[in-house]
PDB file of N, CA and C in Angstrom:
ATOM      1  N   MET A   1       0.811  -1.235  -0.055  1.00  0.00           N
ATOM      2  CA  MET A   1       0.010   0.026  -0.065  1.00  0.00           C
ATOM      3  C   MET A   1       0.859   1.162   0.001  1.00  0.00           C
ATOM      4  N   ASP A   2       0.659   2.255  -0.711  1.00  0.00           N
ATOM      5  CA  ASP A   2       1.289   3.410  -0.842  1.00  0.00           C
ATOM      6  C   ASP A   2       0.811   4.382   0.195  1.00  0.00           C
ATOM      7  N   TYR A   3       1.157   4.626   1.218  1.00  0.00           N
ATOM      8  CA  TYR A   3       0.700   5.353   2.461  1.00  0.00           C
ATOM      9  C   TYR A   3       0.651   6.862   2.130  1.00  0.00           C
ATOM     10  N   ARG A   4       1.597   7.300   1.022  1.00  0.00           N
ATOM     11  CA  ARG A   4       1.573   8.668   0.553  1.00  0.00           C
ATOM     12  C   ARG A   4       0.370   9.040  -0.246  1.00  0.00           C
ATOM     13  N   LYS A   5      -0.370   8.179  -0.677  1.00  0.00           N
ATOM     14  CA  LYS A   5      -1.746   8.677  -1.279  1.00  0.00           C
ATOM     15  C   LYS A   5      -2.839   8.599  -0.463  1.00  0.00           C
ATOM     16  N   THR A   6      -2.750   8.265   0.842  1.00  0.00           N
ATOM     17  CA  THR A   6      -3.733   8.343   1.685  1.00  0.00           C
ATOM     18  C   THR A   6      -4.077   9.876   2.064  1.00  0.00           C
ATOM     19  N   ASN A   7      -5.194  10.044   2.523  1.00  0.00           N
ATOM     20  CA  ASN A   7      -5.499  11.465   2.800  1.00  0.00           C
ATOM     21  C   ASN A   7      -5.827  11.797   4.058  1.00  0.00           C
ATOM     22  N   ALA A   8      -4.943  11.073   5.154  1.00  0.00           N
ATOM     23  CA  ALA A   8      -4.653  11.204   6.519  1.00  0.00           C
ATOM     24  C   ALA A   8      -3.809  12.270   6.891  1.00  0.00           C
ATOM     25  N   PRO A   9      -4.150  13.086   7.752  1.00  0.00           N
ATOM     26  CA  PRO A   9      -3.434  14.297   7.899  1.00  0.00           C
ATOM     27  C   PRO A   9      -2.134  14.018   8.517  1.00  0.00           C
ATOM     28  N   THR A  10      -1.170  14.891   8.381  1.00  0.00           N
ATOM     29  CA  THR A  10       0.249  14.735   8.694  1.00  0.00           C
ATOM     30  C   THR A  10       0.446  15.249  10.271  1.00  0.00           C
ATOM     31  N   THR A  11      -0.517  16.035  10.708  1.00  0.00           N
ATOM     32  CA  THR A  11      -0.504  16.561  11.959  1.00  0.00           C
ATOM     33  C   THR A  11      -1.830  15.822  12.840  1.00  0.00           C
ATOM     34  N   THR A  12      -1.710  15.847  14.258  1.00  0.00           N
ATOM     35  CA  THR A  12      -2.875  15.535  15.050  1.00  0.00           C
ATOM     36  C   THR A  12      -3.993  16.545  14.686  1.00  0.00           C
ATOM     37  N   VAL A  13      -5.270  15.664  14.964  1.00  0.00           N
ATOM     38  CA  VAL A  13      -6.527  16.394  14.468  1.00  0.00           C
ATOM     39  C   VAL A  13      -7.454  16.171  15.745  1.00  0.00           C
ATOM     40  N   THR A  14      -8.010  17.112  16.107  1.00  0.00           N
ATOM     41  CA  THR A  14      -8.960  16.537  17.330  1.00  0.00           C
ATOM     42  C   THR A  14     -10.439  16.151  16.750  1.00  0.00           C
ATOM     43  N   ARG A  15     -10.667  15.048  17.364  1.00  0.00           N
ATOM     44  CA  ARG A  15     -12.008  14.293  16.773  1.00  0.00           C
ATOM     45  C   ARG A  15     -12.997  14.108  17.995  1.00  0.00           C
ATOM     46  N   ASP A  16     -14.342  14.031  17.405  1.00  0.00           N
ATOM     47  CA  ASP A  16     -15.330  13.942  18.349  1.00  0.00           C
ATOM     48  C   ASP A  16     -15.380  12.311  18.599  1.00  0.00           C
ATOM     49  N   MET A  17     -15.272  11.996  19.748  1.00  0.00           N
ATOM     50  CA  MET A  17     -15.149  10.477  19.944  1.00  0.00           C
ATOM     51  C   MET A  17     -16.647   9.940  19.659  1.00  0.00           C
ATOM     52  N   MET A  18     -17.776  10.628  20.289  1.00  0.00           N
ATOM     53  CA  MET A  18     -19.111  10.321  20.073  1.00  0.00           C
ATOM     54  C   MET A  18     -19.330  10.076  18.434  1.00  0.00           C
ATOM     55  N   ASP A  19     -18.670  10.884  17.643  1.00  0.00           N
ATOM     56  CA  ASP A  19     -19.063  10.397  16.084  1.00  0.00           C
ATOM     57  C   ASP A  19     -18.144   9.164  15.709  1.00  0.00           C
ATOM     58  N   LEU A  20     -16.932   9.090  16.226  1.00  0.00           N
ATOM     59  CA  LEU A  20     -16.098   7.828  16.140  1.00  0.00           C
ATOM     60  C   LEU A  20     -16.956   6.556  16.581  1.00  0.00           C
ATOM     61  N   CYS A  21     -17.448   6.542  17.718  1.00  0.00           N
ATOM     62  CA  CYS A  21     -17.895   5.197  18.053  1.00  0.00           C
ATOM     63  C   CYS A  21     -19.332   5.070  17.985  1.00  0.00           C
ATOM     64  N   LYS A  22     -19.917   5.711  16.926  1.00  0.00           N
ATOM     65  CA  LYS A  22     -21.146   5.333  16.374  1.00  0.00           C
ATOM     66  C   LYS A  22     -21.494   3.970  15.801  1.00  0.00           C
ATOM     67  N   ASP A  23     -20.596   3.450  15.225  1.00  0.00           N
ATOM     68  CA  ASP A  23     -20.549   2.263  14.735  1.00  0.00           C
ATOM     69  C   ASP A  23     -20.512   1.069  15.661  1.00  0.00           C
ATOM     70  N   THR A  24     -19.696   1.035  16.513  1.00  0.00           N
ATOM     71  CA  THR A  24     -19.549   0.130  17.687  1.00  0.00           C
ATOM     72  C   THR A  24     -20.325   0.290  19.006  1.00  0.00           C
ATOM     73  N   GLY A  25     -20.717   1.612  19.129  1.00  0.00           N
ATOM     74  CA  GLY A  25     -21.381   1.877  20.572  1.00  0.00           C
ATOM     75  C   GLY A  25     -20.445   1.840  21.884  1.00  0.00           C
ATOM     76  N   ASN A  26     -19.104   1.848  21.334  1.00  0.00           N
ATOM     77  CA  ASN A  26     -18.254   1.827  22.701  1.00  0.00           C
ATOM     78  C   ASN A  26     -17.032   2.432  22.256  1.00  0.00           C
ATOM     79  N   VAL A  27     -16.576   3.533  23.141  1.00  0.00           N
ATOM     80  CA  VAL A  27     -15.429   4.345  22.884  1.00  0.00           C
ATOM     81  C   VAL A  27     -14.191   3.418  22.967  1.00  0.00           C
ATOM     82  N   TYR A  28     -14.317   2.396  23.877  1.00  0.00           N
ATOM     83  CA  TYR A  28     -12.937   1.718  24.179  1.00  0.00           C
ATOM     84  C   TYR A  28     -12.879   0.574  22.747  1.00  0.00           C
ATOM     85  N   GLU A  29     -13.874  -0.019  22.394  1.00  0.00           N
ATOM     86  CA  GLU A  29     -13.941  -0.712  21.214  1.00  0.00           C
ATOM     87  C   GLU A  29     -13.200  -0.063  20.049  1.00  0.00           C
ATOM     88  N   THR A  30     -13.740   0.971  19.926  1.00  0.00           N
ATOM     89  CA  THR A  30     -13.364   1.758  18.741  1.00  0.00           C
ATOM     90  C   THR A  30     -11.901   2.169  18.696  1.00  0.00           C
ATOM     91  N   VAL A  31     -11.333   2.361  19.842  1.00  0.00           N
ATOM     92  CA  VAL A  31      -9.930   2.822  20.089  1.00  0.00           C
ATOM     93  C   VAL A  31      -9.012   1.479  19.913  1.00  0.00           C
ATOM     94  N   ALA A  32      -9.537   0.404  20.405  1.00  0.00           N
ATOM     95  CA  ALA A  32      -8.996  -1.125  20.082  1.00  0.00           C
ATOM     96  C   ALA A  32      -8.764  -1.193  18.830  1.00  0.00           C
ATOM     97  N   ILE A  33      -9.645  -0.977  18.056  1.00  0.00           N
ATOM     98  CA  ILE A  33      -9.831  -1.372  16.666  1.00  0.00           C
ATOM     99  C   ILE A  33      -8.880  -0.487  15.824  1.00  0.00           C
ATOM    100  N   ILE A  34      -8.710   0.876  16.141  1.00  0.00           N
ATOM    101  CA  ILE A  34      -7.956   1.763  15.414  1.00  0.00           C
ATOM    102  C   ILE A  34      -6.599   1.488  15.857  1.00  0.00           C
ATOM    103  N   ALA A  35      -6.208   0.925  17.171  1.00  0.00           N
ATOM    104  CA  ALA A  35      -4.861   0.826  17.440  1.00  0.00           C
ATOM    105  C   ALA A  35      -4.438  -0.335  17.098  1.00  0.00           C
ATOM    106  N   LYS A  36      -5.198  -1.577  16.869  1.00  0.00           N
ATOM    107  CA  LYS A  36      -4.851  -2.839  16.074  1.00  0.00           C
ATOM    108  C   LYS A  36      -4.380  -2.409  14.801  1.00  0.00           C
ATOM    109  N   ARG A  37      -4.970  -1.554  14.027  1.00  0.00           N
ATOM    110  CA  ARG A  37      -5.058  -1.379  12.584  1.00  0.00           C
ATOM    111  C   ARG A  37      -3.715  -0.465  12.328  1.00  0.00           C
ATOM    112  N   ALA A  38      -3.481   0.351  13.460  1.00  0.00           N
ATOM    113  CA  ALA A  38      -2.104   1.187  13.447  1.00  0.00           C
ATOM    114  C   ALA A  38      -0.948   0.354  13.851  1.00  0.00           C
ATOM    115  N   ASN A  39      -1.042  -0.735  14.605  1.00  0.00           N
ATOM    116  CA  ASN A  39      -0.013  -1.583  14.988  1.00  0.00           C
ATOM    117  C   ASN A  39       0.331  -2.269  13.480  1.00  0.00           C
ATOM    118  N   GLN A  40      -0.864  -2.717  12.941  1.00  0.00           N
ATOM    119  CA  GLN A  40      -0.472  -3.418  11.358  1.00  0.00           C
ATOM    120  C   GLN A  40       0.308  -2.539  10.347  1.00  0.00           C
ATOM    121  N   ILE A  41      -0.368  -1.327  10.365  1.00  0.00           N
ATOM    122  CA  ILE A  41       0.308  -0.214   9.484  1.00  0.00           C
ATOM    123  C   ILE A  41       1.854   0.196   9.776  1.00  0.00           C
ATOM    124  N   SER A  42       2.164   0.092  11.060  1.00  0.00           N
ATOM    125  CA  SER A  42       3.268   0.156  11.445  1.00  0.00           C
ATOM    126  C   SER A  42       4.360  -0.836  11.068  1.00  0.00           C
ATOM    127  N   VAL A  43       4.017  -2.193  11.487  1.00  0.00           N
ATOM    128  CA  VAL A  43       4.770  -3.443  11.012  1.00  0.00           C
ATOM    129  C   VAL A  43       5.182  -3.390   9.195  1.00  0.00           C
ATOM    130  N   GLU A  44       3.805  -2.728   8.522  1.00  0.00           N
ATOM    131  CA  GLU A  44       4.439  -2.872   7.170  1.00  0.00           C
ATOM    132  C   GLU A  44       5.141  -1.904   6.791  1.00  0.00           C
ATOM    133  N   ILE A  45       5.041  -0.643   7.344  1.00  0.00           N
ATOM    134  CA  ILE A  45       6.033   0.536   7.007  1.00  0.00           C
ATOM    135  C   ILE A  45       7.592   0.030   7.344  1.00  0.00           C
ATOM    136  N   LYS A  46       7.519  -0.529   8.630  1.00  0.00           N
ATOM    137  CA  LYS A  46       8.840  -0.841   8.941  1.00  0.00           C
ATOM    138  C   LYS A  46       9.534  -1.907   8.318  1.00  0.00           C
ATOM    139  N   ASN A  47       8.575  -2.842   7.622  1.00  0.00           N
ATOM    140  CA  ASN A  47       9.194  -3.827   6.863  1.00  0.00           C
ATOM    141  C   ASN A  47       9.792  -3.216   5.420  1.00  0.00           C
ATOM    142  N   ASP A  48       8.683  -2.437   4.875  1.00  0.00           N
ATOM    143  CA  ASP A  48       9.076  -1.494   3.686  1.00  0.00           C
ATOM    144  C   ASP A  48      10.387  -1.100   3.757  1.00  0.00           C
ATOM    145  N   LEU A  49      10.313  -0.233   5.023  1.00  0.00           N
ATOM    146  CA  LEU A  49      11.768   0.668   4.972  1.00  0.00           C
ATOM    147  C   LEU A  49      13.035  -0.341   5.296  1.00  0.00           C
ATOM    148  N   SER A  50      12.961  -1.417   6.018  1.00  0.00           N
ATOM    149  CA  SER A  50      13.830  -2.363   6.045  1.00  0.00           C
ATOM    150  C   SER A  50      14.482  -2.871   4.820  1.00  0.00           C
ATOM    151  N   LYS A  51      13.375  -3.400   4.173  1.00  0.00           N
ATOM    152  CA  LYS A  51      13.726  -3.880   2.656  1.00  0.00           C
ATOM    153  C   LYS A  51      14.528  -2.945   1.716  1.00  0.00           C
ATOM    154  N   LYS A  52      14.064  -1.637   1.660  1.00  0.00           N
ATOM    155  CA  LYS A  52      14.632  -0.558   0.817  1.00  0.00           C
ATOM    156  C   LYS A  52      16.059  -0.319   1.462  1.00  0.00           C
ATOM    157  N   LEU A  53      16.135  -0.188   2.825  1.00  0.00           N
ATOM    158  CA  LEU A  53      17.732   0.078   3.194  1.00  0.00           C
ATOM    159  C   LEU A  53      18.579  -1.197   3.402  1.00  0.00           C
ATOM    160  N   ALA A  54      18.196  -2.376   3.175  1.00  0.00           N
ATOM    161  CA  ALA A  54      19.050  -3.442   3.255  1.00  0.00           C
ATOM    162  C   ALA A  54      19.876  -3.397   1.805  1.00  0.00           C
ATOM    163  N   GLU A  55      19.120  -2.622   0.879  1.00  0.00           N
ATOM    164  CA  GLU A  55      20.177  -2.668  -0.432  1.00  0.00           C
ATOM    165  C   GLU A  55      21.508  -1.845  -0.127  1.00  0.00           C
ATOM    166  N   PHE A  56      21.525  -0.879   0.882  1.00  0.00           N
ATOM    167  CA  PHE A  56      22.557  -0.172   1.033  1.00  0.00           C
ATOM    168  C   PHE A  56      23.463  -0.636   2.148  1.00  0.00           C
ATOM    169  N   ALA A  57      23.080  -1.640   2.785  1.00  0.00           N
ATOM    170  CA  ALA A  57      23.780  -2.407   4.142  1.00  0.00           C
ATOM    171  C   ALA A  57      25.231  -2.805   3.420  1.00  0.00           C
ATOM    172  N   SER A  58      26.240  -2.238   4.275  1.00  0.00           N
ATOM    173  CA  SER A  58      27.575  -2.618   4.242  1.00  0.00           C
ATOM    174  C   SER A  58      27.979  -3.885   4.988  1.00  0.00           C
ATOM    175  N   TYR A  59      28.352  -4.893   4.500  1.00  0.00           N
ATOM    176  CA  TYR A  59      28.895  -5.943   5.384  1.00  0.00           C
ATOM    177  C   TYR A  59      30.257  -5.951   5.466  1.00  0.00           C
ATOM    178  N   ASN A  60      31.022  -5.027   5.242  1.00  0.00           N
ATOM    179  CA  ASN A  60      32.404  -4.756   5.853  1.00  0.00           C
ATOM    180  C   ASN A  60      32.552  -3.760   6.901  1.00  0.00           C
ATOM    181  N   ASP A  61      33.308  -4.075   7.959  1.00  0.00           N
ATOM    182  CA  ASP A  61      33.540  -3.322   9.047  1.00  0.00           C
ATOM    183  C   ASP A  61      34.805  -2.545   8.767  1.00  0.00           C
ATOM    184  N   ASN A  62      34.654  -1.863   7.836  1.00  0.00           N
ATOM    185  CA  ASN A  62      35.885  -1.008   7.676  1.00  0.00           C
ATOM    186  C   ASN A  62      35.300   0.447   7.771  1.00  0.00           C
ATOM    187  N   LEU A  63      36.189   1.099   9.050  1.00  0.00           N
ATOM    188  CA  LEU A  63      35.806   2.624   9.116  1.00  0.00           C
ATOM    189  C   LEU A  63      36.177   3.509   8.204  1.00  0.00           C
ATOM    190  N   GLU A  64      37.164   3.419   7.169  1.00  0.00           N
ATOM    191  CA  GLU A  64      37.548   4.209   6.246  1.00  0.00           C
ATOM    192  C   GLU A  64      36.559   4.549   5.448  1.00  0.00           C
ATOM    193  N   GLU A  65      35.436   3.521   5.117  1.00  0.00           N
ATOM    194  CA  GLU A  65      34.692   3.739   3.968  1.00  0.00           C
ATOM    195  C   GLU A  65      33.305   3.999   4.535  1.00  0.00           C
ATOM    196  N   VAL A  66      33.278   5.017   5.511  1.00  0.00           N
ATOM    197  CA  VAL A  66      31.895   5.706   6.210  1.00  0.00           C
ATOM    198  C   VAL A  66      31.540   6.859   5.070  1.00  0.00           C
ATOM    199  N   PHE A  67      30.816   6.831   4.428  1.00  0.00           N
ATOM    200  CA  PHE A  67      30.160   7.952   3.530  1.00  0.00           C
ATOM    201  C   PHE A  67      28.861   7.976   3.749  1.00  0.00           C
ATOM    202  N   GLU A  68      28.152   9.191   3.063  1.00  0.00           N
ATOM    203  CA  GLU A  68      26.786   9.446   2.758  1.00  0.00           C
ATOM    204  C   GLU A  68      26.210   8.943   1.630  1.00  0.00           C
ATOM    205  N   ASN A  69      25.080   8.369   1.660  1.00  0.00           N
ATOM    206  CA  ASN A  69      24.476   7.866   0.375  1.00  0.00           C
ATOM    207  C   ASN A  69      23.268   8.718   0.409  1.00  0.00           C
ATOM    208  N   ARG A  70      22.993   9.481  -0.888  1.00  0.00           N
ATOM    209  CA  ARG A  70      22.080  10.280  -1.135  1.00  0.00           C
ATOM    210  C   ARG A  70      20.787   9.548  -1.010  1.00  0.00           C
ATOM    211  N   GLU A  71      20.668   8.440  -1.698  1.00  0.00           N
ATOM    212  CA  GLU A  71      19.540   7.527  -1.897  1.00  0.00           C
ATOM    213  C   GLU A  71      19.075   7.170  -0.618  1.00  0.00           C
ATOM    214  N   GLN A  72      19.758   6.949   0.271  1.00  0.00           N
ATOM    215  CA  GLN A  72      19.647   6.260   1.673  1.00  0.00           C
ATOM    216  C   GLN A  72      18.920   7.523   2.354  1.00  0.00           C
ATOM    217  N   ILE A  73      19.347   8.387   2.401  1.00  0.00           N
ATOM    218  CA  ILE A  73      18.828   9.697   3.067  1.00  0.00           C
ATOM    219  C   ILE A  73      17.521  10.068   2.477  1.00  0.00           C
ATOM    220  N   GLU A  74      17.387   9.840   1.032  1.00  0.00           N
ATOM    221  CA  GLU A  74      16.300  10.444   0.650  1.00  0.00           C
ATOM    222  C   GLU A  74      15.098   9.439   1.083  1.00  0.00           C
ATOM    223  N   ILE A  75      15.129   8.313   0.930  1.00  0.00           N
ATOM    224  CA  ILE A  75      14.428   7.208   1.498  1.00  0.00           C
ATOM    225  C   ILE A  75      13.955   7.507   3.011  1.00  0.00           C
ATOM    226  N   SER A  76      14.965   7.867   3.867  1.00  0.00           N
ATOM    227  CA  SER A  76      14.836   8.068   5.259  1.00  0.00           C
ATOM    228  C   SER A  76      13.780   9.349   5.290  1.00  0.00           C
ATOM    229  N   ARG A  77      14.037  10.214   4.600  1.00  0.00           N
ATOM    230  CA  ARG A  77      13.272  11.608   4.613  1.00  0.00           C
ATOM    231  C   ARG A  77      11.829  11.102   4.111  1.00  0.00           C
ATOM    232  N   TYR A  78      11.577  10.406   3.248  1.00  0.00           N
ATOM    233  CA  TYR A  78      10.088  10.111   2.676  1.00  0.00           C
ATOM    234  C   TYR A  78       9.333   9.300   3.911  1.00  0.00           C
ATOM    235  N   TYR A  79      10.107   8.428   4.511  1.00  0.00           N
ATOM    236  CA  TYR A  79       9.447   7.553   5.672  1.00  0.00           C
ATOM    237  C   TYR A  79       9.178   8.562   6.718  1.00  0.00           C
ATOM    238  N   GLU A  80      10.072   9.534   7.031  1.00  0.00           N
ATOM    239  CA  GLU A  80       9.784  10.512   7.950  1.00  0.00           C
ATOM    240  C   GLU A  80       8.641  11.439   7.707  1.00  0.00           C
ATOM    241  N   LYS A  81       8.513  11.931   6.387  1.00  0.00           N
ATOM    242  CA  LYS A  81       7.243  12.902   6.189  1.00  0.00           C
ATOM    243  C   LYS A  81       5.988  12.022   6.075  1.00  0.00           C
ATOM    244  N   LEU A  82       5.864  10.741   6.000  1.00  0.00           N
ATOM    245  CA  LEU A  82       4.398  10.069   6.126  1.00  0.00           C
ATOM    246  C   LEU A  82       3.637  10.252   7.475  1.00  0.00           C
ATOM    247  N   PRO A  83       2.465  10.225   7.395  1.00  0.00           N
ATOM    248  CA  PRO A  83       1.644  10.541   8.379  1.00  0.00           C
ATOM    249  C   PRO A  83       1.655   9.514   9.476  1.00  0.00           C
ATOM    250  N   LYS A  84       1.579   9.373  10.838  1.00  0.00           N
ATOM    251  CA  LYS A  84       1.975   8.435  11.520  1.00  0.00           C
ATOM    252  C   LYS A  84       0.861   7.207  11.403  1.00  0.00           C
ATOM    253  N   PRO A  85       1.138   6.185  11.803  1.00  0.00           N
ATOM    254  CA  PRO A  85       0.377   4.967  11.585  1.00  0.00           C
ATOM    255  C   PRO A  85      -0.810   5.082  12.346  1.00  0.00           C
ATOM    256  N   THR A  86      -1.240   6.012  13.475  1.00  0.00           N
ATOM    257  CA  THR A  86      -2.446   5.988  14.202  1.00  0.00           C
ATOM    258  C   THR A  86      -2.947   6.905  13.419  1.00  0.00           C
ATOM    259  N   LEU A  87      -2.534   7.952  12.838  1.00  0.00           N
ATOM    260  CA  LEU A  87      -3.460   8.849  11.848  1.00  0.00           C
ATOM    261  C   LEU A  87      -3.978   8.173  10.717  1.00  0.00           C
ATOM    262  N   ILE A  88      -3.311   7.175  10.262  1.00  0.00           N
ATOM    263  CA  ILE A  88      -3.755   6.526   8.963  1.00  0.00           C
ATOM    264  C   ILE A  88      -4.935   5.827   9.217  1.00  0.00           C
ATOM    265  N   ALA A  89      -4.731   5.075  10.545  1.00  0.00           N
ATOM    266  CA  ALA A  89      -5.631   4.124  10.725  1.00  0.00           C
ATOM    267  C   ALA A  89      -6.829   4.678  11.268  1.00  0.00           C
ATOM    268  N   THR A  90      -6.895   5.800  11.829  1.00  0.00           N
ATOM    269  CA  THR A  90      -8.199   6.671  12.122  1.00  0.00           C
ATOM    270  C   THR A  90      -8.689   7.100  10.846  1.00  0.00           C
ATOM    271  N   GLN A  91      -7.978   7.653  10.015  1.00  0.00           N
ATOM    272  CA  GLN A  91      -8.505   7.977   8.806  1.00  0.00           C
ATOM    273  C   GLN A  91      -9.324   6.784   7.984  1.00  0.00           C
ATOM    274  N   GLU A  92      -8.670   5.667   7.991  1.00  0.00           N
ATOM    275  CA  GLU A  92      -9.258   4.426   7.446  1.00  0.00           C
ATOM    276  C   GLU A  92     -10.538   4.023   8.097  1.00  0.00           C
ATOM    277  N   TYR A  93     -10.440   4.071   9.458  1.00  0.00           N
ATOM    278  CA  TYR A  93     -11.841   3.972  10.367  1.00  0.00           C
ATOM    279  C   TYR A  93     -12.926   4.633   9.825  1.00  0.00           C
ATOM    280  N   ILE A  94     -12.481   6.291   9.742  1.00  0.00           N
ATOM    281  CA  ILE A  94     -13.600   7.198   9.471  1.00  0.00           C
ATOM    282  C   ILE A  94     -14.342   6.801   8.061  1.00  0.00           C
ATOM    283  N   GLU A  95     -13.245   6.405   7.041  1.00  0.00           N
ATOM    284  CA  GLU A  95     -13.776   6.245   5.901  1.00  0.00           C
ATOM    285  C   GLU A  95     -14.426   4.782   5.468  1.00  0.00           C
ATOM    286  N   GLY A  96     -14.334   4.067   6.650  1.00  0.00           N
ATOM    287  CA  GLY A  96     -15.315   2.712   6.616  1.00  0.00           C
ATOM    288  C   GLY A  96     -14.146   1.600   5.569  1.00  0.00           C
ATOM    289  N   LYS A  97     -12.791   1.844   5.600  1.00  0.00           N
ATOM    290  CA  LYS A  97     -11.966   0.912   5.286  1.00  0.00           C
ATOM    291  C   LYS A  97     -11.507  -0.366   6.007  1.00  0.00           C
ATOM    292  N   ILE A  98     -11.837  -0.486   7.306  1.00  0.00           N
ATOM    293  CA  ILE A  98     -11.463  -1.229   8.252  1.00  0.00           C
ATOM    294  C   ILE A  98     -12.210  -2.222   8.648  1.00  0.00           C
ATOM    295  N   TYR A  99     -12.131  -3.446   8.365  1.00  0.00           N
ATOM    296  CA  TYR A  99     -13.390  -4.737   8.464  1.00  0.00           C
ATOM    297  C   TYR A  99     -12.730  -5.128   9.869  1.00  0.00           C
ATOM    298  N   TYR A 100     -13.925  -5.145  10.850  1.00  0.00           N
ATOM    299  CA  TYR A 100     -13.662  -5.649  12.021  1.00  0.00           C
ATOM    300  C   TYR A 100     -14.927  -6.431  12.516  1.00  0.00           C
ATOM    301  N   ARG A 101     -14.639  -7.239  13.614  1.00  0.00           N
ATOM    302  CA  ARG A 101     -15.905  -7.886  14.079  1.00  0.00           C
ATOM    303  C   ARG A 101     -15.627  -8.306  15.580  1.00  0.00           C
ATOM    304  N   ASN A 102     -16.775  -8.544  16.337  1.00  0.00           N
ATOM    305  CA  ASN A 102     -16.454  -8.812  17.686  1.00  0.00           C
ATOM    306  C   ASN A 102     -17.141 -10.234  18.036  1.00  0.00           C
ATOM    307  N   PRO A 103     -16.217 -11.214  17.970  1.00  0.00           N
ATOM    308  CA  PRO A 103     -16.861 -12.621  18.316  1.00  0.00           C
ATOM    309  C   PRO A 103     -17.853 -12.797  19.329  1.00  0.00           C
ATOM    310  N   ALA A 104     -17.495 -12.005  20.573  1.00  0.00           N
ATOM    311  CA  ALA A 104     -18.472 -11.796  21.859  1.00  0.00           C
ATOM    312  C   ALA A 104     -19.872 -11.623  21.413  1.00  0.00           C
ATOM    313  N   LYS A 105     -20.113 -10.384  20.810  1.00  0.00           N
ATOM    314  CA  LYS A 105     -21.072  -9.945  20.157  1.00  0.00           C
ATOM    315  C   LYS A 105     -21.927 -10.800  19.101  1.00  0.00           C
ATOM    316  N   GLU A 106     -21.156 -11.696  18.238  1.00  0.00           N
ATOM    317  CA  GLU A 106     -21.779 -12.437  17.352  1.00  0.00           C
ATOM    318  C   GLU A 106     -22.469 -13.686  18.182  1.00  0.00           C
ATOM    319  N   LYS A 107     -21.723 -14.076  19.218  1.00  0.00           N
ATOM    320  CA  LYS A 107     -22.112 -15.352  19.946  1.00  0.00           C
ATOM    321  C   LYS A 107     -23.292 -15.044  20.908  1.00  0.00           C
ATOM    322  N   ASP A 108     -23.498 -13.758  21.185  1.00  0.00           N
ATOM    323  CA  ASP A 108     -24.690 -13.405  21.948  1.00  0.00           C
ATOM    324  C   ASP A 108     -25.831 -13.355  21.080  1.00  0.00           C
ATOM    325  N   LYS A 109     -25.641 -12.840  19.793  1.00  0.00           N
ATOM    326  CA  LYS A 109     -26.786 -12.727  18.859  1.00  0.00           C
ATOM    327  C   LYS A 109     -27.251 -14.317  18.303  1.00  0.00           C
ATOM    328  N   LEU A 110     -26.350 -14.949  18.181  1.00  0.00           N
ATOM    329  CA  LEU A 110     -26.717 -16.611  17.812  1.00  0.00           C
ATOM    330  C   LEU A 110     -27.561 -17.265  19.061  1.00  0.00           C
ATOM    331  N   GLN A 111     -27.336 -16.964  20.034  1.00  0.00           N
ATOM    332  CA  GLN A 111     -28.183 -17.440  21.231  1.00  0.00           C
ATOM    333  C   GLN A 111     -29.456 -17.025  21.506  1.00  0.00           C
TER     334      GLN A 111
END
């Protein structure tokens, strides 16, 4: 997923919690859903960054060969400018892009 194409804000935005928890009816459940998705996004971003930076890894321990790599710096800057995973997850939740379910509630409905 290209996280740059998301319309999540790059800075913190105050949200009305009552609007956020309309779907679940519970503030804590909503926060848990957003937190779990933010953790997933964080892991994805970390894996992407690790893959891209692995190309520049030096396997020699030679102190004389320390140099700046412009491409590596640009990759790092790109990931620094991305919105935080929590902001991306919140925006996905607001837009209805997150699938979630509560097995406890489903069990109660079946009985």
